[in-house]
Amino acid sequence: LVLLVFVINLNAQELKSIALNPPDINSGLTVMQAFSKRSSASAF
């Protein structure tokens, strides 16, 4: 049990903050085109 707790804590320590990129505000379709394609996916 002690070893298991140690492994779990070690795994948690391996995660680090990830810096994100500035948003690319010029990407993608126009708003109206995006609405024309909006749907709910059933598989990922």
ModelCIF file with pLDDT and N, C-alpha, C, O atoms, coordinates in Angstrom:
data_MODEL
#
_entry.id   MODEL 
#
_entity.id                         1 
_entity.type                       polymer 
_entity.pdbx_number_of_molecules   1 
#
_entity_poly.entity_id                      1 
_entity_poly.type                           'polypeptide(L)' 
_entity_poly.nstd_linkage                   no 
_entity_poly.nstd_monomer                   no 
_entity_poly.pdbx_seq_one_letter_code       LVLLVFVINLNAQELKSIALNPPDINSGLTVMQAFSKRSSASAF 
_entity_poly.pdbx_seq_one_letter_code_can   LVLLVFVINLNAQELKSIALNPPDINSGLTVMQAFSKRSSASAF 
_entity_poly.pdbx_strand_id                 A 
#
loop_
_entity_poly_seq.entity_id 
_entity_poly_seq.num 
_entity_poly_seq.mon_id 
_entity_poly_seq.hetero 
1 1  LEU n 
1 2  VAL n 
1 3  LEU n 
1 4  LEU n 
1 5  VAL n 
1 6  PHE n 
1 7  VAL n 
1 8  ILE n 
1 9  ASN n 
1 10 LEU n 
1 11 ASN n 
1 12 ALA n 
1 13 GLN n 
1 14 GLU n 
1 15 LEU n 
1 16 LYS n 
1 17 SER n 
1 18 ILE n 
1 19 ALA n 
1 20 LEU n 
1 21 ASN n 
1 22 PRO n 
1 23 PRO n 
1 24 ASP n 
1 25 ILE n 
1 26 ASN n 
1 27 SER n 
1 28 GLY n 
1 29 LEU n 
1 30 THR n 
1 31 VAL n 
1 32 MET n 
1 33 GLN n 
1 34 ALA n 
1 35 PHE n 
1 36 SER n 
1 37 LYS n 
1 38 ARG n 
1 39 SER n 
1 40 SER n 
1 41 ALA n 
1 42 SER n 
1 43 ALA n 
1 44 PHE n 
#
_struct_asym.id          A 
_struct_asym.entity_id   1 
#
loop_
_ma_qa_metric.id 
_ma_qa_metric.mode 
_ma_qa_metric.name 
_ma_qa_metric.software_group_id 
_ma_qa_metric.type 
1 global pLDDT . pLDDT 
2 local  pLDDT . pLDDT 
#
_ma_qa_metric_global.metric_id      1 
_ma_qa_metric_global.metric_value   82.07 
_ma_qa_metric_global.model_id       1 
_ma_qa_metric_global.ordinal_id     1 
#
loop_
_ma_qa_metric_local.label_asym_id 
_ma_qa_metric_local.label_comp_id 
_ma_qa_metric_local.label_seq_id 
_ma_qa_metric_local.metric_id 
_ma_qa_metric_local.metric_value 
_ma_qa_metric_local.model_id 
_ma_qa_metric_local.ordinal_id 
A LEU 1  2 42.00 1 1  
A VAL 2  2 42.00 1 2  
A LEU 3  2 47.00 1 3  
A LEU 4  2 43.00 1 4  
A VAL 5  2 45.00 1 5  
A PHE 6  2 46.00 1 6  
A VAL 7  2 45.00 1 7  
A ILE 8  2 46.00 1 8  
A ASN 9  2 49.00 1 9  
A LEU 10 2 45.00 1 10 
A ASN 11 2 50.00 1 11 
A ALA 12 2 50.00 1 12 
A GLN 13 2 58.00 1 13 
A GLU 14 2 86.00 1 14 
A LEU 15 2 95.00 1 15 
A LYS 16 2 97.00 1 16 
A SER 17 2 97.00 1 17 
A ILE 18 2 98.00 1 18 
A ALA 19 2 98.00 1 19 
A LEU 20 2 98.00 1 20 
A ASN 21 2 98.00 1 21 
A PRO 22 2 98.00 1 22 
A PRO 23 2 98.00 1 23 
A ASP 24 2 98.00 1 24 
A ILE 25 2 96.00 1 25 
A ASN 26 2 96.00 1 26 
A SER 27 2 95.00 1 27 
A GLY 28 2 97.00 1 28 
A LEU 29 2 97.00 1 29 
A THR 30 2 97.00 1 30 
A VAL 31 2 96.00 1 31 
A MET 32 2 98.00 1 32 
A GLN 33 2 98.00 1 33 
A ALA 34 2 98.00 1 34 
A PHE 35 2 98.00 1 35 
A SER 36 2 98.00 1 36 
A LYS 37 2 97.00 1 37 
A ARG 38 2 97.00 1 38 
A SER 39 2 97.00 1 39 
A SER 40 2 98.00 1 40 
A ALA 41 2 98.00 1 41 
A SER 42 2 96.00 1 42 
A ALA 43 2 97.00 1 43 
A PHE 44 2 98.00 1 44 
#
loop_
_atom_site.group_PDB 
_atom_site.id 
_atom_site.type_symbol 
_atom_site.label_atom_id 
_atom_site.label_alt_id 
_atom_site.label_comp_id 
_atom_site.label_asym_id 
_atom_site.label_entity_id 
_atom_site.label_seq_id 
_atom_site.pdbx_PDB_ins_code 
_atom_site.Cartn_x 
_atom_site.Cartn_y 
_atom_site.Cartn_z 
_atom_site.occupancy 
_atom_site.B_iso_or_equiv 
_atom_site.pdbx_formal_charge 
_atom_site.auth_seq_id 
_atom_site.auth_comp_id 
_atom_site.auth_asym_id 
_atom_site.auth_atom_id 
_atom_site.pdbx_PDB_model_num 
ATOM 1   N N  . LEU A 1 1  ? 0.823   -1.202 0.000   1.00 42.00 ? 1  LEU A N  1 
ATOM 2   C CA . LEU A 1 1  ? 0.000   0.000  0.000   1.00 42.00 ? 1  LEU A CA 1 
ATOM 3   C C  . LEU A 1 1  ? 0.859   1.255  0.000   1.00 42.00 ? 1  LEU A C  1 
ATOM 4   O O  . LEU A 1 1  ? 0.562   2.222  -0.702  1.00 42.00 ? 1  LEU A O  1 
ATOM 5   N N  . VAL A 1 2  ? 1.922   1.235  0.789   1.00 42.00 ? 2  VAL A N  1 
ATOM 6   C CA . VAL A 1 2  ? 2.836   2.383  0.834   1.00 42.00 ? 2  VAL A CA 1 
ATOM 7   C C  . VAL A 1 2  ? 3.475   2.598  -0.527  1.00 42.00 ? 2  VAL A C  1 
ATOM 8   O O  . VAL A 1 2  ? 3.599   3.730  -0.995  1.00 42.00 ? 2  VAL A O  1 
ATOM 9   N N  . LEU A 1 3  ? 3.885   1.490  -1.165  1.00 47.00 ? 3  LEU A N  1 
ATOM 10  C CA . LEU A 1 3  ? 4.502   1.580  -2.487  1.00 47.00 ? 3  LEU A CA 1 
ATOM 11  C C  . LEU A 1 3  ? 3.510   2.126  -3.509  1.00 47.00 ? 3  LEU A C  1 
ATOM 12  O O  . LEU A 1 3  ? 3.872   2.931  -4.368  1.00 47.00 ? 3  LEU A O  1 
ATOM 13  N N  . LEU A 1 4  ? 2.252   1.681  -3.410  1.00 43.00 ? 4  LEU A N  1 
ATOM 14  C CA . LEU A 1 4  ? 1.222   2.139  -4.337  1.00 43.00 ? 4  LEU A CA 1 
ATOM 15  C C  . LEU A 1 4  ? 0.998   3.643  -4.201  1.00 43.00 ? 4  LEU A C  1 
ATOM 16  O O  . LEU A 1 4  ? 0.903   4.355  -5.201  1.00 43.00 ? 4  LEU A O  1 
ATOM 17  N N  . VAL A 1 5  ? 0.915   4.122  -2.964  1.00 45.00 ? 5  VAL A N  1 
ATOM 18  C CA . VAL A 1 5  ? 0.743   5.553  -2.719  1.00 45.00 ? 5  VAL A CA 1 
ATOM 19  C C  . VAL A 1 5  ? 1.930   6.334  -3.272  1.00 45.00 ? 5  VAL A C  1 
ATOM 20  O O  . VAL A 1 5  ? 1.765   7.413  -3.840  1.00 45.00 ? 5  VAL A O  1 
ATOM 21  N N  . PHE A 1 6  ? 3.130   5.778  -3.100  1.00 46.00 ? 6  PHE A N  1 
ATOM 22  C CA . PHE A 1 6  ? 4.343   6.432  -3.612  1.00 46.00 ? 6  PHE A CA 1 
ATOM 23  C C  . PHE A 1 6  ? 4.307   6.540  -5.131  1.00 46.00 ? 6  PHE A C  1 
ATOM 24  O O  . PHE A 1 6  ? 4.661   7.575  -5.695  1.00 46.00 ? 6  PHE A O  1 
ATOM 25  N N  . VAL A 1 7  ? 3.879   5.469  -5.788  1.00 45.00 ? 7  VAL A N  1 
ATOM 26  C CA . VAL A 1 7  ? 3.806   5.467  -7.254  1.00 45.00 ? 7  VAL A CA 1 
ATOM 27  C C  . VAL A 1 7  ? 2.779   6.481  -7.740  1.00 45.00 ? 7  VAL A C  1 
ATOM 28  O O  . VAL A 1 7  ? 3.025   7.209  -8.701  1.00 45.00 ? 7  VAL A O  1 
ATOM 29  N N  . ILE A 1 8  ? 1.624   6.528  -7.073  1.00 46.00 ? 8  ILE A N  1 
ATOM 30  C CA . ILE A 1 8  ? 0.574   7.474  -7.461  1.00 46.00 ? 8  ILE A CA 1 
ATOM 31  C C  . ILE A 1 8  ? 1.079   8.909  -7.312  1.00 46.00 ? 8  ILE A C  1 
ATOM 32  O O  . ILE A 1 8  ? 0.875   9.737  -8.200  1.00 46.00 ? 8  ILE A O  1 
ATOM 33  N N  . ASN A 1 9  ? 1.740   9.200  -6.187  1.00 49.00 ? 9  ASN A N  1 
ATOM 34  C CA . ASN A 1 9  ? 2.265   10.541 -5.965  1.00 49.00 ? 9  ASN A CA 1 
ATOM 35  C C  . ASN A 1 9  ? 3.343   10.884 -6.980  1.00 49.00 ? 9  ASN A C  1 
ATOM 36  O O  . ASN A 1 9  ? 3.432   12.021 -7.444  1.00 49.00 ? 9  ASN A O  1 
ATOM 37  N N  . LEU A 1 10 ? 4.167   9.887  -7.324  1.00 45.00 ? 10 LEU A N  1 
ATOM 38  C CA . LEU A 1 10 ? 5.220   10.107 -8.302  1.00 45.00 ? 10 LEU A CA 1 
ATOM 39  C C  . LEU A 1 10 ? 4.630   10.438 -9.662  1.00 45.00 ? 10 LEU A C  1 
ATOM 40  O O  . LEU A 1 10 ? 5.114   11.333 -10.354 1.00 45.00 ? 10 LEU A O  1 
ATOM 41  N N  . ASN A 1 11 ? 3.578   9.710  -10.045 1.00 50.00 ? 11 ASN A N  1 
ATOM 42  C CA . ASN A 1 11 ? 2.921   9.972  -11.324 1.00 50.00 ? 11 ASN A CA 1 
ATOM 43  C C  . ASN A 1 11 ? 2.328   11.375 -11.362 1.00 50.00 ? 11 ASN A C  1 
ATOM 44  O O  . ASN A 1 11 ? 2.408   12.068 -12.376 1.00 50.00 ? 11 ASN A O  1 
ATOM 45  N N  . ALA A 1 12 ? 1.724   11.792 -10.226 1.00 50.00 ? 12 ALA A N  1 
ATOM 46  C CA . ALA A 1 12 ? 1.133   13.122 -10.167 1.00 50.00 ? 12 ALA A CA 1 
ATOM 47  C C  . ALA A 1 12 ? 2.194   14.196 -10.323 1.00 50.00 ? 12 ALA A C  1 
ATOM 48  O O  . ALA A 1 12 ? 1.954   15.232 -10.944 1.00 50.00 ? 12 ALA A O  1 
ATOM 49  N N  . GLN A 1 13 ? 3.379   13.944 -9.754  1.00 58.00 ? 13 GLN A N  1 
ATOM 50  C CA . GLN A 1 13 ? 4.458   14.919 -9.839  1.00 58.00 ? 13 GLN A CA 1 
ATOM 51  C C  . GLN A 1 13 ? 5.013   15.018 -11.253 1.00 58.00 ? 13 GLN A C  1 
ATOM 52  O O  . GLN A 1 13 ? 5.629   16.026 -11.599 1.00 58.00 ? 13 GLN A O  1 
ATOM 53  N N  . GLU A 1 14 ? 4.810   14.001 -12.071 1.00 86.00 ? 14 GLU A N  1 
ATOM 54  C CA . GLU A 1 14 ? 5.344   14.020 -13.430 1.00 86.00 ? 14 GLU A CA 1 
ATOM 55  C C  . GLU A 1 14 ? 4.571   14.977 -14.334 1.00 86.00 ? 14 GLU A C  1 
ATOM 56  O O  . GLU A 1 14 ? 5.109   15.454 -15.333 1.00 86.00 ? 14 GLU A O  1 
ATOM 57  N N  . LEU A 1 15 ? 3.315   15.262 -13.993 1.00 95.00 ? 15 LEU A N  1 
ATOM 58  C CA . LEU A 1 15 ? 2.544   16.223 -14.773 1.00 95.00 ? 15 LEU A CA 1 
ATOM 59  C C  . LEU A 1 15 ? 3.050   17.631 -14.483 1.00 95.00 ? 15 LEU A C  1 
ATOM 60  O O  . LEU A 1 15 ? 3.258   17.999 -13.327 1.00 95.00 ? 15 LEU A O  1 
ATOM 61  N N  . LYS A 1 16 ? 3.244   18.402 -15.525 1.00 97.00 ? 16 LYS A N  1 
ATOM 62  C CA . LYS A 1 16 ? 3.687   19.785 -15.373 1.00 97.00 ? 16 LYS A CA 1 
ATOM 63  C C  . LYS A 1 16 ? 2.753   20.697 -16.142 1.00 97.00 ? 16 LYS A C  1 
ATOM 64  O O  . LYS A 1 16 ? 2.066   20.275 -17.073 1.00 97.00 ? 16 LYS A O  1 
ATOM 65  N N  . SER A 1 17 ? 2.741   21.961 -15.733 1.00 97.00 ? 17 SER A N  1 
ATOM 66  C CA . SER A 1 17 ? 1.941   22.939 -16.460 1.00 97.00 ? 17 SER A CA 1 
ATOM 67  C C  . SER A 1 17 ? 2.407   23.010 -17.911 1.00 97.00 ? 17 SER A C  1 
ATOM 68  O O  . SER A 1 17 ? 3.598   22.900 -18.204 1.00 97.00 ? 17 SER A O  1 
ATOM 69  N N  . ILE A 1 18 ? 1.450   23.195 -18.803 1.00 98.00 ? 18 ILE A N  1 
ATOM 70  C CA . ILE A 1 18 ? 1.755   23.310 -20.233 1.00 98.00 ? 18 ILE A CA 1 
ATOM 71  C C  . ILE A 1 18 ? 1.383   24.706 -20.691 1.00 98.00 ? 18 ILE A C  1 
ATOM 72  O O  . ILE A 1 18 ? 0.224   25.111 -20.598 1.00 98.00 ? 18 ILE A O  1 
ATOM 73  N N  . ALA A 1 19 ? 2.364   25.439 -21.185 1.00 98.00 ? 19 ALA A N  1 
ATOM 74  C CA . ALA A 1 19 ? 2.100   26.773 -21.723 1.00 98.00 ? 19 ALA A CA 1 
ATOM 75  C C  . ALA A 1 19 ? 1.384   26.645 -23.061 1.00 98.00 ? 19 ALA A C  1 
ATOM 76  O O  . ALA A 1 19 ? 1.804   25.879 -23.927 1.00 98.00 ? 19 ALA A O  1 
ATOM 77  N N  . LEU A 1 20 ? 0.317   27.390 -23.220 1.00 98.00 ? 20 LEU A N  1 
ATOM 78  C CA . LEU A 1 20 ? -0.451  27.374 -24.458 1.00 98.00 ? 20 LEU A CA 1 
ATOM 79  C C  . LEU A 1 20 ? 0.043   28.467 -25.396 1.00 98.00 ? 20 LEU A C  1 
ATOM 80  O O  . LEU A 1 20 ? 0.665   29.438 -24.963 1.00 98.00 ? 20 LEU A O  1 
ATOM 81  N N  . ASN A 1 21 ? -0.236  28.301 -26.664 1.00 98.00 ? 21 ASN A N  1 
ATOM 82  C CA . ASN A 1 21 ? 0.135   29.305 -27.662 1.00 98.00 ? 21 ASN A CA 1 
ATOM 83  C C  . ASN A 1 21 ? -0.892  30.441 -27.664 1.00 98.00 ? 21 ASN A C  1 
ATOM 84  O O  . ASN A 1 21 ? -2.038  30.233 -27.265 1.00 98.00 ? 21 ASN A O  1 
ATOM 85  N N  . PRO A 1 22 ? -0.500  31.627 -28.103 1.00 98.00 ? 22 PRO A N  1 
ATOM 86  C CA . PRO A 1 22 ? -1.491  32.679 -28.320 1.00 98.00 ? 22 PRO A CA 1 
ATOM 87  C C  . PRO A 1 22 ? -2.520  32.192 -29.343 1.00 98.00 ? 22 PRO A C  1 
ATOM 88  O O  . PRO A 1 22 ? -2.168  31.452 -30.261 1.00 98.00 ? 22 PRO A O  1 
ATOM 89  N N  . PRO A 1 23 ? -3.783  32.594 -29.200 1.00 98.00 ? 23 PRO A N  1 
ATOM 90  C CA . PRO A 1 23 ? -4.804  32.116 -30.141 1.00 98.00 ? 23 PRO A CA 1 
ATOM 91  C C  . PRO A 1 23 ? -4.569  32.644 -31.549 1.00 98.00 ? 23 PRO A C  1 
ATOM 92  O O  . PRO A 1 23 ? -4.174  33.795 -31.736 1.00 98.00 ? 23 PRO A O  1 
ATOM 93  N N  . ASP A 1 24 ? -4.814  31.801 -32.523 1.00 98.00 ? 24 ASP A N  1 
ATOM 94  C CA . ASP A 1 24 ? -4.733  32.204 -33.929 1.00 98.00 ? 24 ASP A CA 1 
ATOM 95  C C  . ASP A 1 24 ? -6.117  32.693 -34.337 1.00 98.00 ? 24 ASP A C  1 
ATOM 96  O O  . ASP A 1 24 ? -6.965  31.900 -34.747 1.00 98.00 ? 24 ASP A O  1 
ATOM 97  N N  . ILE A 1 25 ? -6.341  33.987 -34.226 1.00 96.00 ? 25 ILE A N  1 
ATOM 98  C CA . ILE A 1 25 ? -7.686  34.523 -34.457 1.00 96.00 ? 25 ILE A CA 1 
ATOM 99  C C  . ILE A 1 25 ? -8.027  34.627 -35.942 1.00 96.00 ? 25 ILE A C  1 
ATOM 100 O O  . ILE A 1 25 ? -9.139  35.018 -36.296 1.00 96.00 ? 25 ILE A O  1 
ATOM 101 N N  . ASN A 1 26 ? -7.086  34.281 -36.802 1.00 96.00 ? 26 ASN A N  1 
ATOM 102 C CA . ASN A 1 26 ? -7.352  34.309 -38.241 1.00 96.00 ? 26 ASN A CA 1 
ATOM 103 C C  . ASN A 1 26 ? -7.661  32.930 -38.820 1.00 96.00 ? 26 ASN A C  1 
ATOM 104 O O  . ASN A 1 26 ? -7.853  32.791 -40.029 1.00 96.00 ? 26 ASN A O  1 
ATOM 105 N N  . SER A 1 27 ? -7.710  31.919 -37.969 1.00 95.00 ? 27 SER A N  1 
ATOM 106 C CA . SER A 1 27 ? -7.953  30.561 -38.456 1.00 95.00 ? 27 SER A CA 1 
ATOM 107 C C  . SER A 1 27 ? -9.446  30.263 -38.546 1.00 95.00 ? 27 SER A C  1 
ATOM 108 O O  . SER A 1 27 ? -10.265 30.946 -37.932 1.00 95.00 ? 27 SER A O  1 
ATOM 109 N N  . GLY A 1 28 ? -9.784  29.242 -39.314 1.00 97.00 ? 28 GLY A N  1 
ATOM 110 C CA . GLY A 1 28 ? -11.155 28.765 -39.351 1.00 97.00 ? 28 GLY A CA 1 
ATOM 111 C C  . GLY A 1 28 ? -12.050 29.465 -40.358 1.00 97.00 ? 28 GLY A C  1 
ATOM 112 O O  . GLY A 1 28 ? -11.635 30.384 -41.064 1.00 97.00 ? 28 GLY A O  1 
ATOM 113 N N  . LEU A 1 29 ? -13.290 29.003 -40.401 1.00 97.00 ? 29 LEU A N  1 
ATOM 114 C CA . LEU A 1 29 ? -14.298 29.526 -41.307 1.00 97.00 ? 29 LEU A CA 1 
ATOM 115 C C  . LEU A 1 29 ? -14.910 30.809 -40.758 1.00 97.00 ? 29 LEU A C  1 
ATOM 116 O O  . LEU A 1 29 ? -14.645 31.192 -39.619 1.00 97.00 ? 29 LEU A O  1 
ATOM 117 N N  . THR A 1 30 ? -15.723 31.466 -41.565 1.00 97.00 ? 30 THR A N  1 
ATOM 118 C CA . THR A 1 30 ? -16.504 32.586 -41.059 1.00 97.00 ? 30 THR A CA 1 
ATOM 119 C C  . THR A 1 30 ? -17.539 32.054 -40.068 1.00 97.00 ? 30 THR A C  1 
ATOM 120 O O  . THR A 1 30 ? -17.826 30.857 -40.035 1.00 97.00 ? 30 THR A O  1 
ATOM 121 N N  . VAL A 1 31 ? -18.086 32.948 -39.275 1.00 96.00 ? 31 VAL A N  1 
ATOM 122 C CA . VAL A 1 31 ? -19.081 32.540 -38.276 1.00 96.00 ? 31 VAL A CA 1 
ATOM 123 C C  . VAL A 1 31 ? -20.268 31.850 -38.936 1.00 96.00 ? 31 VAL A C  1 
ATOM 124 O O  . VAL A 1 31 ? -20.711 30.807 -38.455 1.00 96.00 ? 31 VAL A O  1 
ATOM 125 N N  . MET A 1 32 ? -20.794 32.407 -40.027 1.00 98.00 ? 32 MET A N  1 
ATOM 126 C CA . MET A 1 32 ? -21.964 31.830 -40.681 1.00 98.00 ? 32 MET A CA 1 
ATOM 127 C C  . MET A 1 32 ? -21.641 30.477 -41.295 1.00 98.00 ? 32 MET A C  1 
ATOM 128 O O  . MET A 1 32 ? -22.469 29.566 -41.266 1.00 98.00 ? 32 MET A O  1 
ATOM 129 N N  . GLN A 1 33 ? -20.444 30.340 -41.850 1.00 98.00 ? 33 GLN A N  1 
ATOM 130 C CA . GLN A 1 33 ? -20.043 29.037 -42.387 1.00 98.00 ? 33 GLN A CA 1 
ATOM 131 C C  . GLN A 1 33 ? -19.923 28.004 -41.263 1.00 98.00 ? 33 GLN A C  1 
ATOM 132 O O  . GLN A 1 33 ? -20.298 26.845 -41.437 1.00 98.00 ? 33 GLN A O  1 
ATOM 133 N N  . ALA A 1 34 ? -19.396 28.432 -40.106 1.00 98.00 ? 34 ALA A N  1 
ATOM 134 C CA . ALA A 1 34 ? -19.278 27.523 -38.971 1.00 98.00 ? 34 ALA A CA 1 
ATOM 135 C C  . ALA A 1 34 ? -20.653 27.047 -38.509 1.00 98.00 ? 34 ALA A C  1 
ATOM 136 O O  . ALA A 1 34 ? -20.848 25.865 -38.226 1.00 98.00 ? 34 ALA A O  1 
ATOM 137 N N  . PHE A 1 35 ? -21.601 27.979 -38.436 1.00 98.00 ? 35 PHE A N  1 
ATOM 138 C CA . PHE A 1 35 ? -22.956 27.578 -38.039 1.00 98.00 ? 35 PHE A CA 1 
ATOM 139 C C  . PHE A 1 35 ? -23.548 26.580 -39.030 1.00 98.00 ? 35 PHE A C  1 
ATOM 140 O O  . PHE A 1 35 ? -24.288 25.680 -38.634 1.00 98.00 ? 35 PHE A O  1 
ATOM 141 N N  . SER A 1 36 ? -23.231 26.732 -40.301 1.00 98.00 ? 36 SER A N  1 
ATOM 142 C CA . SER A 1 36 ? -23.787 25.827 -41.310 1.00 98.00 ? 36 SER A CA 1 
ATOM 143 C C  . SER A 1 36 ? -23.250 24.410 -41.155 1.00 98.00 ? 36 SER A C  1 
ATOM 144 O O  . SER A 1 36 ? -23.861 23.459 -41.644 1.00 98.00 ? 36 SER A O  1 
ATOM 145 N N  . LYS A 1 37 ? -22.117 24.260 -40.480 1.00 97.00 ? 37 LYS A N  1 
ATOM 146 C CA . LYS A 1 37 ? -21.501 22.949 -40.312 1.00 97.00 ? 37 LYS A CA 1 
ATOM 147 C C  . LYS A 1 37 ? -21.650 22.388 -38.895 1.00 97.00 ? 37 LYS A C  1 
ATOM 148 O O  . LYS A 1 37 ? -21.220 21.265 -38.632 1.00 97.00 ? 37 LYS A O  1 
ATOM 149 N N  . ARG A 1 38 ? -22.256 23.157 -37.974 1.00 97.00 ? 38 ARG A N  1 
ATOM 150 C CA . ARG A 1 38 ? -22.361 22.692 -36.605 1.00 97.00 ? 38 ARG A CA 1 
ATOM 151 C C  . ARG A 1 38 ? -23.188 21.418 -36.496 1.00 97.00 ? 38 ARG A C  1 
ATOM 152 O O  . ARG A 1 38 ? -24.290 21.347 -37.040 1.00 97.00 ? 38 ARG A O  1 
ATOM 153 N N  . SER A 1 39 ? -22.673 20.419 -35.803 1.00 97.00 ? 39 SER A N  1 
ATOM 154 C CA . SER A 1 39 ? -23.395 19.167 -35.584 1.00 97.00 ? 39 SER A CA 1 
ATOM 155 C C  . SER A 1 39 ? -22.810 18.488 -34.352 1.00 97.00 ? 39 SER A C  1 
ATOM 156 O O  . SER A 1 39 ? -21.732 18.853 -33.884 1.00 97.00 ? 39 SER A O  1 
ATOM 157 N N  . SER A 1 40 ? -23.528 17.497 -33.831 1.00 98.00 ? 40 SER A N  1 
ATOM 158 C CA . SER A 1 40 ? -23.054 16.742 -32.674 1.00 98.00 ? 40 SER A CA 1 
ATOM 159 C C  . SER A 1 40 ? -22.515 15.402 -33.151 1.00 98.00 ? 40 SER A C  1 
ATOM 160 O O  . SER A 1 40 ? -23.252 14.581 -33.697 1.00 98.00 ? 40 SER A O  1 
ATOM 161 N N  . ALA A 1 41 ? -21.228 15.193 -32.939 1.00 98.00 ? 41 ALA A N  1 
ATOM 162 C CA . ALA A 1 41 ? -20.579 13.970 -33.410 1.00 98.00 ? 41 ALA A CA 1 
ATOM 163 C C  . ALA A 1 41 ? -20.989 12.774 -32.561 1.00 98.00 ? 41 ALA A C  1 
ATOM 164 O O  . ALA A 1 41 ? -21.315 12.918 -31.382 1.00 98.00 ? 41 ALA A O  1 
ATOM 165 N N  . SER A 1 42 ? -20.970 11.608 -33.164 1.00 96.00 ? 42 SER A N  1 
ATOM 166 C CA . SER A 1 42 ? -21.311 10.375 -32.439 1.00 96.00 ? 42 SER A CA 1 
ATOM 167 C C  . SER A 1 42 ? -20.123 9.437  -32.297 1.00 96.00 ? 42 SER A C  1 
ATOM 168 O O  . SER A 1 42 ? -20.242 8.379  -31.679 1.00 96.00 ? 42 SER A O  1 
ATOM 169 N N  . ALA A 1 43 ? -18.969 9.811  -32.864 1.00 97.00 ? 43 ALA A N  1 
ATOM 170 C CA . ALA A 1 43 ? -17.761 9.001  -32.742 1.00 97.00 ? 43 ALA A CA 1 
ATOM 171 C C  . ALA A 1 43 ? -16.555 9.924  -32.781 1.00 97.00 ? 43 ALA A C  1 
ATOM 172 O O  . ALA A 1 43 ? -16.561 10.944 -33.470 1.00 97.00 ? 43 ALA A O  1 
ATOM 173 N N  . PHE A 1 44 ? -15.521 9.557  -32.035 1.00 98.00 ? 44 PHE A N  1 
ATOM 174 C CA . PHE A 1 44 ? -14.341 10.398 -31.901 1.00 98.00 ? 44 PHE A CA 1 
ATOM 175 C C  . PHE A 1 44 ? -13.079 9.571  -32.116 1.00 98.00 ? 44 PHE A C  1 
ATOM 176 O O  . PHE A 1 44 ? -11.971 10.104 -32.043 1.00 98.00 ? 44 PHE A O  1 
#
